[in-house]
Amino acid sequence: MELYHFEYHTGTGSVPVSLSCITTYNPSGELRVEWKKLNAGTDLVYFENRLRGDLVGRAEVQGWSIHIHNVTRKDAAVYRCEVVRKEEGYLGDVSVNLTVRVRPITPQCTVPKSVPVGKTAVLTCNENEGYPPSKYIWYRNGDPVPDDPKSNLKFRNSSYKIDSTAGTLHFSVISKLDIGEYHCVAENIVGNAKCEPQRMEVYDINVAAIIGGVLVVVLVLLFITIVIRLAYKRGYFTKKQSEKGYQASSKADDVDYVRSNPVDNEGDFRHKSSFVI
């Protein structure tokens, strides 16, 4: 068995490719060819003189070779051509490794519009179509951001880390020197693509305004506390509660009480002429 390697570059899906199967074996009798796609499993792509699977409508057979009109990433695999003679059975095979290279598409980039001084910031860049997978390069004001900030005078006072595989630019402590327009380029051996520049501003935190706001809140709370204490001290809340308590007890259980004349002292007790048994 021989293994042939073919590599094709495509960015639009319009590149044609031919998978050839040629033999010098010429015995008597009828020969039959079968094509199989070896990926996660084994799929028949040409059997009993007709195409099968996802190549139907996108390919044609010329002799024993398969001509694919529009190559896509899904076509990348090892293809095996097996030659069979009806009387003798299996005669031999040849394998073709088809690698499809794809140009990156425009990456999706996220850049924060504004960040306070001293805080962290993360810029992201990603695209999923390129093959081999893309590497990412960040630019600030048109200058490539180096992996090591100390290697370039324009970036040596910045504090960041770049992951060229994940496409992230992570500022651990941001400063006014990091203000600028950022864009990212995704690239592989086929080509590259970039996103539109986005501006990131860095602003100072207004400490005086924050302290002033806190003082206002404290003063308001202190004023409320003083008012409540004075009200208690003058008996305002106690008087109100007593009045409410009296009104509630005077009508408890829905019973009306009528005050009678006070009873005379025992010393002043006299028989009344109206005393009747």
Protein backbone atom coordinates (compact mmCIF):
# COMPACT_ATOMS: atom_id res chain seq x y z
CA MET A 1 0.00 0.00 0.00
CA GLU A 2 1.26 3.47 -0.87
CA LEU A 3 0.21 6.73 0.81
CA TYR A 4 0.08 9.92 -1.22
CA HIS A 5 -0.36 13.32 0.38
CA PHE A 6 -2.22 16.17 -1.31
CA GLU A 7 -2.62 19.61 0.26
CA TYR A 8 -5.09 22.19 -1.03
CA HIS A 9 -5.70 25.76 0.08
CA THR A 10 -9.18 27.21 -0.03
CA GLY A 11 -10.91 30.25 1.36
CA THR A 12 -14.05 30.27 -0.73
CA GLY A 13 -14.89 26.61 -1.19
CA SER A 14 -14.48 26.87 -4.97
CA VAL A 15 -11.15 25.07 -5.37
CA PRO A 16 -11.39 21.76 -7.28
CA VAL A 17 -9.27 18.69 -6.49
CA SER A 18 -8.77 15.27 -8.06
CA LEU A 19 -8.13 12.12 -6.04
CA SER A 20 -6.32 9.81 -8.45
CA CYS A 21 -6.27 6.02 -8.45
CA ILE A 22 -4.05 4.46 -11.14
CA THR A 23 -2.81 0.88 -11.36
CA THR A 24 -0.44 -0.91 -13.71
CA TYR A 25 -1.92 -4.27 -12.80
CA ASN A 26 -3.72 -5.58 -15.90
CA PRO A 27 -4.99 -9.10 -15.34
CA SER A 28 -7.70 -10.74 -17.35
CA GLY A 29 -11.19 -10.24 -16.03
CA GLU A 30 -13.24 -7.30 -14.86
CA LEU A 31 -11.82 -4.86 -12.29
CA ARG A 32 -13.91 -2.86 -9.83
CA VAL A 33 -12.83 0.18 -7.82
CA GLU A 34 -14.16 1.34 -4.45
CA TRP A 35 -13.38 4.61 -2.66
CA LYS A 36 -13.61 4.91 1.12
CA LYS A 37 -13.25 7.94 3.39
CA LEU A 38 -11.31 7.17 6.56
CA ASN A 39 -12.10 9.70 9.26
CA ALA A 40 -13.66 8.92 12.64
CA GLY A 41 -15.03 5.83 10.90
CA THR A 42 -15.07 4.37 7.40
CA ASP A 43 -17.56 5.79 4.90
CA LEU A 44 -18.13 4.58 1.36
CA VAL A 45 -17.89 7.48 -1.10
CA TYR A 46 -17.85 5.46 -4.34
CA PHE A 47 -19.33 1.98 -4.57
CA GLU A 48 -21.05 -0.01 -7.32
CA ASN A 49 -20.24 2.64 -9.91
CA ARG A 50 -21.88 5.59 -8.15
CA LEU A 51 -20.97 8.31 -5.66
CA ARG A 52 -22.37 8.25 -2.15
CA GLY A 53 -22.52 10.44 0.92
CA ASP A 54 -21.81 14.17 0.93
CA LEU A 55 -19.92 14.05 -2.39
CA VAL A 56 -23.15 13.52 -4.32
CA GLY A 57 -23.75 16.63 -6.42
CA ARG A 58 -20.28 18.04 -5.69
CA ALA A 59 -18.06 15.51 -7.44
CA GLU A 60 -17.79 13.20 -10.43
CA VAL A 61 -15.80 10.08 -11.28
CA GLN A 62 -13.39 10.19 -14.21
CA GLY A 63 -11.96 6.74 -14.83
CA TRP A 64 -11.05 5.57 -11.35
CA SER A 65 -10.36 9.07 -10.02
CA ILE A 66 -12.74 11.30 -8.07
CA HIS A 67 -12.91 14.95 -9.11
CA ILE A 68 -14.34 17.19 -6.33
CA HIS A 69 -15.61 20.52 -7.66
CA ASN A 70 -15.92 22.48 -4.41
CA VAL A 71 -13.55 21.45 -1.65
CA THR A 72 -14.59 22.29 1.92
CA ARG A 73 -13.07 21.70 5.35
CA LYS A 74 -15.31 18.66 5.81
CA ASP A 75 -13.58 16.95 2.89
CA ALA A 76 -10.27 16.77 4.78
CA ALA A 77 -9.53 13.07 5.44
CA VAL A 78 -7.62 10.03 4.21
CA TYR A 79 -9.26 8.48 1.12
CA ARG A 80 -8.53 4.90 0.14
CA CYS A 81 -8.95 3.48 -3.36
CA GLU A 82 -9.40 -0.30 -3.36
CA VAL A 83 -9.13 -2.34 -6.56
CA VAL A 84 -11.04 -5.59 -6.68
CA ARG A 85 -11.15 -8.27 -9.42
CA LYS A 86 -14.40 -10.13 -9.57
CA GLU A 87 -12.79 -13.57 -9.87
CA GLU A 88 -9.78 -13.01 -7.60
CA GLY A 89 -11.21 -10.55 -5.06
CA TYR A 90 -9.03 -7.86 -3.46
CA LEU A 91 -5.96 -6.89 -5.50
CA GLY A 92 -4.57 -3.76 -3.78
CA ASP A 93 -5.21 -0.21 -2.66
CA VAL A 94 -3.75 3.28 -2.53
CA SER A 95 -4.44 6.00 0.03
CA VAL A 96 -4.59 9.75 -0.45
CA ASN A 97 -4.36 12.18 2.49
CA LEU A 98 -6.36 15.29 1.63
CA THR A 99 -5.58 18.33 3.79
CA VAL A 100 -7.72 21.42 3.30
CA ARG A 101 -6.29 24.77 4.36
CA VAL A 102 -8.76 27.61 4.95
CA ARG A 103 -8.11 31.34 5.15
CA PRO A 104 -9.32 33.02 8.38
CA ILE A 105 -12.48 35.09 8.31
CA THR A 106 -12.87 38.51 9.96
CA PRO A 107 -12.40 37.93 13.70
CA GLN A 108 -14.81 39.11 16.37
CA CYS A 109 -13.05 41.64 18.61
CA THR A 110 -14.12 43.15 21.94
CA VAL A 111 -12.39 46.25 23.32
CA PRO A 112 -13.70 48.08 26.43
CA LYS A 113 -14.60 51.68 25.64
CA SER A 114 -13.34 53.12 28.93
CA VAL A 115 -11.48 51.74 31.95
CA PRO A 116 -10.52 53.48 35.24
CA VAL A 117 -6.83 53.89 36.04
CA GLY A 118 -5.38 50.99 38.02
CA LYS A 119 -8.07 48.47 37.05
CA THR A 120 -7.82 45.38 34.84
CA ALA A 121 -9.00 45.11 31.23
CA VAL A 122 -9.31 42.19 28.80
CA LEU A 123 -9.43 42.52 25.00
CA THR A 124 -10.58 39.45 23.04
CA CYS A 125 -10.22 38.31 19.42
CA ASN A 126 -11.58 35.11 17.87
CA GLU A 127 -12.57 33.40 14.61
CA ASN A 128 -13.42 29.72 14.01
CA GLU A 129 -13.19 29.18 10.25
CA GLY A 130 -9.46 29.27 9.56
CA TYR A 131 -7.49 26.04 9.25
CA PRO A 132 -4.91 25.50 10.60
CA PRO A 133 -6.25 27.40 13.63
CA SER A 134 -5.36 31.08 13.57
CA LYS A 135 -2.76 32.88 15.61
CA TYR A 136 -3.68 36.37 16.80
CA ILE A 137 -1.71 39.63 16.78
CA TRP A 138 -2.91 42.77 18.59
CA TYR A 139 -2.14 46.30 17.37
CA ARG A 140 -2.31 49.65 19.18
CA ASN A 141 -2.43 52.75 17.00
CA GLY A 142 -1.07 50.66 14.13
CA ASP A 143 1.89 49.25 16.09
CA PRO A 144 2.02 45.50 16.89
CA VAL A 145 1.77 44.85 20.62
CA PRO A 146 4.89 42.81 21.55
CA ASP A 147 4.70 39.71 23.72
CA ASP A 148 7.15 41.34 26.14
CA PRO A 149 6.29 45.01 26.84
CA LYS A 150 9.88 45.73 27.89
CA SER A 151 11.12 44.90 24.40
CA ASN A 152 9.58 48.07 22.93
CA LEU A 153 9.91 51.65 24.20
CA LYS A 154 6.28 52.38 23.33
CA PHE A 155 5.01 49.59 25.57
CA ARG A 156 7.63 49.16 28.30
CA ASN A 157 5.53 51.06 30.89
CA SER A 158 2.47 48.90 30.23
CA SER A 159 1.55 45.83 32.25
CA TYR A 160 -0.14 43.10 30.19
CA LYS A 161 -0.01 39.51 28.94
CA ILE A 162 -0.81 38.26 25.43
CA ASP A 163 -2.15 34.82 24.52
CA SER A 164 -1.63 34.55 20.76
CA THR A 165 -3.50 31.24 20.61
CA ALA A 166 -6.60 32.35 22.55
CA GLY A 167 -6.47 35.89 21.13
CA THR A 168 -6.58 37.71 24.48
CA LEU A 169 -4.74 40.85 25.59
CA HIS A 170 -4.98 41.11 29.39
CA PHE A 171 -3.98 44.32 31.19
CA SER A 172 -3.31 43.62 34.87
CA VAL A 173 -2.97 47.30 35.84
CA ILE A 174 -4.09 49.80 33.25
CA SER A 175 -2.68 53.32 32.90
CA LYS A 176 -3.17 56.44 30.77
CA LEU A 177 -0.33 55.18 28.54
CA ASP A 178 -2.63 52.37 27.34
CA ILE A 179 -5.11 54.75 25.69
CA GLY A 180 -5.43 54.16 21.95
CA GLU A 181 -7.10 52.37 19.05
CA TYR A 182 -6.80 48.59 19.14
CA HIS A 183 -7.41 46.01 16.44
CA CYS A 184 -6.56 42.34 15.99
CA VAL A 185 -5.28 40.28 13.05
CA ALA A 186 -6.03 36.55 12.73
CA GLU A 187 -3.57 34.72 10.50
CA ASN A 188 -2.44 31.27 9.36
CA ILE A 189 -0.33 29.94 6.48
CA VAL A 190 -3.14 30.63 3.99
CA GLY A 191 -3.85 34.27 4.78
CA ASN A 192 -5.11 36.73 7.37
CA ALA A 193 -8.07 38.89 8.33
CA LYS A 194 -8.51 41.76 10.77
CA CYS A 195 -11.27 43.45 12.74
CA GLU A 196 -12.01 47.19 12.72
CA PRO A 197 -10.04 49.39 15.16
CA GLN A 198 -11.80 50.27 18.41
CA ARG A 199 -10.72 53.00 20.82
CA MET A 200 -10.11 52.39 24.52
CA GLU A 201 -10.09 55.35 26.91
CA VAL A 202 -8.59 55.38 30.41
CA TYR A 203 -9.91 57.82 33.02
CA ASP A 204 -8.96 58.89 36.55
CA ILE A 205 -11.15 57.94 39.46
CA ASN A 206 -12.59 61.14 41.10
CA VAL A 207 -11.62 60.40 44.70
CA ALA A 208 -12.83 63.79 45.95
CA ALA A 209 -16.31 63.20 44.51
CA ILE A 210 -16.51 59.76 46.11
CA ILE A 211 -15.43 61.11 49.52
CA GLY A 212 -17.90 64.00 49.18
CA GLY A 213 -20.73 61.60 48.42
CA VAL A 214 -19.90 59.47 51.45
CA LEU A 215 -19.81 62.55 53.71
CA VAL A 216 -23.24 63.67 52.48
CA VAL A 217 -24.72 60.27 53.31
CA VAL A 218 -23.10 60.32 56.78
CA LEU A 219 -24.40 63.83 57.51
CA VAL A 220 -27.94 62.91 56.45
CA LEU A 221 -27.91 59.85 58.71
CA LEU A 222 -26.50 61.93 61.60
CA PHE A 223 -29.23 64.56 61.15
CA ILE A 224 -31.98 61.93 61.19
CA THR A 225 -30.50 60.38 64.35
CA ILE A 226 -30.39 63.76 66.15
CA VAL A 227 -34.01 64.55 65.21
CA ILE A 228 -35.21 61.19 66.54
CA ARG A 229 -33.27 61.58 69.81
CA LEU A 230 -34.69 65.08 70.40
CA ALA A 231 -38.21 63.83 69.74
CA TYR A 232 -37.81 61.08 72.34
CA LYS A 233 -36.22 63.49 74.82
CA ARG A 234 -39.17 65.87 74.60
CA GLY A 235 -41.61 63.02 75.07
CA TYR A 236 -43.23 63.39 71.71
CA PHE A 237 -43.32 59.67 70.96
CA THR A 238 -44.21 58.78 74.63
CA LYS A 239 -47.17 61.21 74.67
CA LYS A 240 -48.51 59.89 71.40
CA GLN A 241 -48.23 56.29 72.58
CA SER A 242 -50.05 57.12 75.90
CA GLU A 243 -52.94 58.76 74.06
CA LYS A 244 -53.26 55.80 71.76
CA GLY A 245 -53.15 53.40 74.74
CA TYR A 246 -55.89 55.26 76.56
CA GLN A 247 -58.14 55.33 73.53
CA ALA A 248 -57.66 51.62 72.99
CA SER A 249 -58.36 50.63 76.62
CA SER A 250 -61.43 52.88 76.94
CA LYS A 251 -63.22 50.80 74.33
CA ALA A 252 -61.85 47.36 75.01
CA ASP A 253 -64.12 44.40 74.34
CA ASP A 254 -66.81 46.73 72.94
CA VAL A 255 -68.08 47.45 76.51
CA ASP A 256 -69.23 50.95 77.43
CA TYR A 257 -68.44 51.96 80.98
CA VAL A 258 -70.49 54.64 82.80
CA ARG A 259 -68.90 56.28 85.80
CA SER A 260 -71.23 56.39 88.83
CA ASN A 261 -71.14 58.87 91.70
CA PRO A 262 -68.45 58.09 94.22
CA VAL A 263 -69.52 56.02 97.20
CA ASP A 264 -69.74 57.89 100.44
CA ASN A 265 -67.17 57.13 103.06
CA GLU A 266 -68.15 54.51 105.63
CA GLY A 267 -68.22 57.17 108.30
CA ASP A 268 -70.83 59.11 106.40
CA PHE A 269 -73.06 56.11 105.75
CA ARG A 270 -76.73 56.80 106.54
CA HIS A 271 -79.91 54.89 105.96
CA LYS A 272 -81.88 56.30 103.15
CA SER A 273 -85.60 56.66 103.44
CA SER A 274 -85.99 55.13 100.06
CA PHE A 275 -84.33 51.88 101.12
CA VAL A 276 -86.77 49.13 100.14
CA ILE A 277 -86.54 45.38 100.54
